Protein backbone atom coordinates (compact mmCIF):
# COMPACT_ATOMS: atom_id res chain seq x y z
CA UNK A 1 35.75 2.24 -11.69
CA UNK A 2 32.77 0.64 -11.81
CA UNK A 3 29.81 1.40 -9.56
CA UNK A 4 29.42 -1.36 -6.67
CA UNK A 5 25.92 -2.42 -6.33
CA UNK A 6 24.30 -4.75 -3.92
CA UNK A 7 23.80 -7.87 -4.84
CA UNK A 8 20.66 -8.82 -2.28
CA UNK A 9 17.63 -6.28 -2.68
CA UNK A 10 16.31 -4.75 0.73
CA UNK A 11 13.40 -7.45 1.74
CA UNK A 12 14.96 -10.33 -0.11
CA UNK A 13 14.97 -13.35 2.03
CA UNK A 14 18.66 -14.94 2.12
CA UNK A 15 20.18 -17.74 4.64
CA UNK A 16 23.83 -18.13 4.99
CA UNK A 17 26.02 -19.75 2.29
CA UNK A 18 26.63 -22.43 5.01
CA UNK A 19 22.98 -23.21 5.81
CA UNK A 20 21.06 -21.71 8.61
CA UNK A 21 17.48 -19.62 9.11
CA UNK A 22 15.84 -17.73 6.17
CA UNK A 23 16.32 -14.36 6.90
CA UNK A 24 14.88 -10.82 5.41
CA UNK A 25 17.09 -8.00 4.20
CA UNK A 26 16.46 -4.92 6.77
CA UNK A 27 19.48 -2.75 5.85
CA UNK A 28 21.67 -2.83 2.48
CA UNK A 29 25.20 -1.83 2.80
CA UNK A 30 26.47 1.48 1.32
CA UNK A 31 29.94 -0.14 0.14
CA UNK A 32 31.14 -3.52 -0.91
CA UNK A 33 32.71 -3.70 2.50
CA UNK A 34 29.88 -2.94 4.48
CA UNK A 35 27.85 -5.84 5.92
CA UNK A 36 24.02 -6.28 5.23
CA UNK A 37 21.64 -6.69 8.51
CA UNK A 38 19.38 -9.37 8.13
CA UNK A 39 16.39 -10.49 10.32
CA UNK A 40 15.12 -13.92 11.09
CA UNK A 41 12.75 -15.69 14.00
CA UNK A 42 14.25 -18.09 16.25
CA UNK A 43 11.13 -19.90 17.51
CA UNK A 44 8.99 -16.88 18.69
CA UNK A 45 11.92 -14.39 19.32
CA UNK A 46 12.65 -11.90 16.26
CA UNK A 47 16.93 -11.80 16.00
CA UNK A 48 19.41 -9.94 13.41
CA UNK A 49 22.87 -9.94 12.85
CA UNK A 50 25.42 -8.65 10.15
CA UNK A 51 26.53 -10.53 7.24
CA UNK A 52 29.07 -9.81 4.52
CA UNK A 53 27.64 -10.32 1.05
CA UNK A 54 30.05 -13.41 0.21
CA UNK A 55 28.28 -15.08 3.58
CA UNK A 56 24.91 -15.04 1.82
CA UNK A 57 22.98 -16.71 -1.07
CA UNK A 58 19.28 -16.54 -1.94
CA UNK A 59 16.77 -18.51 -0.02
CA UNK A 60 15.14 -21.22 -2.03
CA UNK A 61 11.38 -20.12 -2.12
CA UNK A 62 8.77 -22.16 -0.45
CA UNK A 63 5.68 -23.28 -1.53
CA UNK A 64 2.72 -21.66 -1.04
CA UNK A 65 0.41 -22.83 1.78
CA UNK A 66 -2.75 -24.78 0.40
CA UNK A 67 -5.96 -22.65 0.68
CA UNK A 68 -7.90 -23.25 3.75
CA UNK A 69 -10.94 -26.19 3.38
CA UNK A 70 -13.50 -23.49 3.27
CA UNK A 71 -11.91 -21.70 0.69
CA UNK A 72 -11.45 -24.42 -1.77
CA UNK A 73 -15.24 -25.14 -2.36
């Protein structure tokens, strides 16, 4: 019997496969039937929830922010 390994790493950025906010993985499941605990910001409020692996996808990486004007010189 193969050993189960989580698909997403601790700290990975994920989102729901049905869309939604970008979230960070806070806690990994210990078995394939457990849930990931993820955190995200809703405005200024930090929220968290539990999601099954099949509900999550890796989030698209965001483009880096441009350097401030004073650093461009």
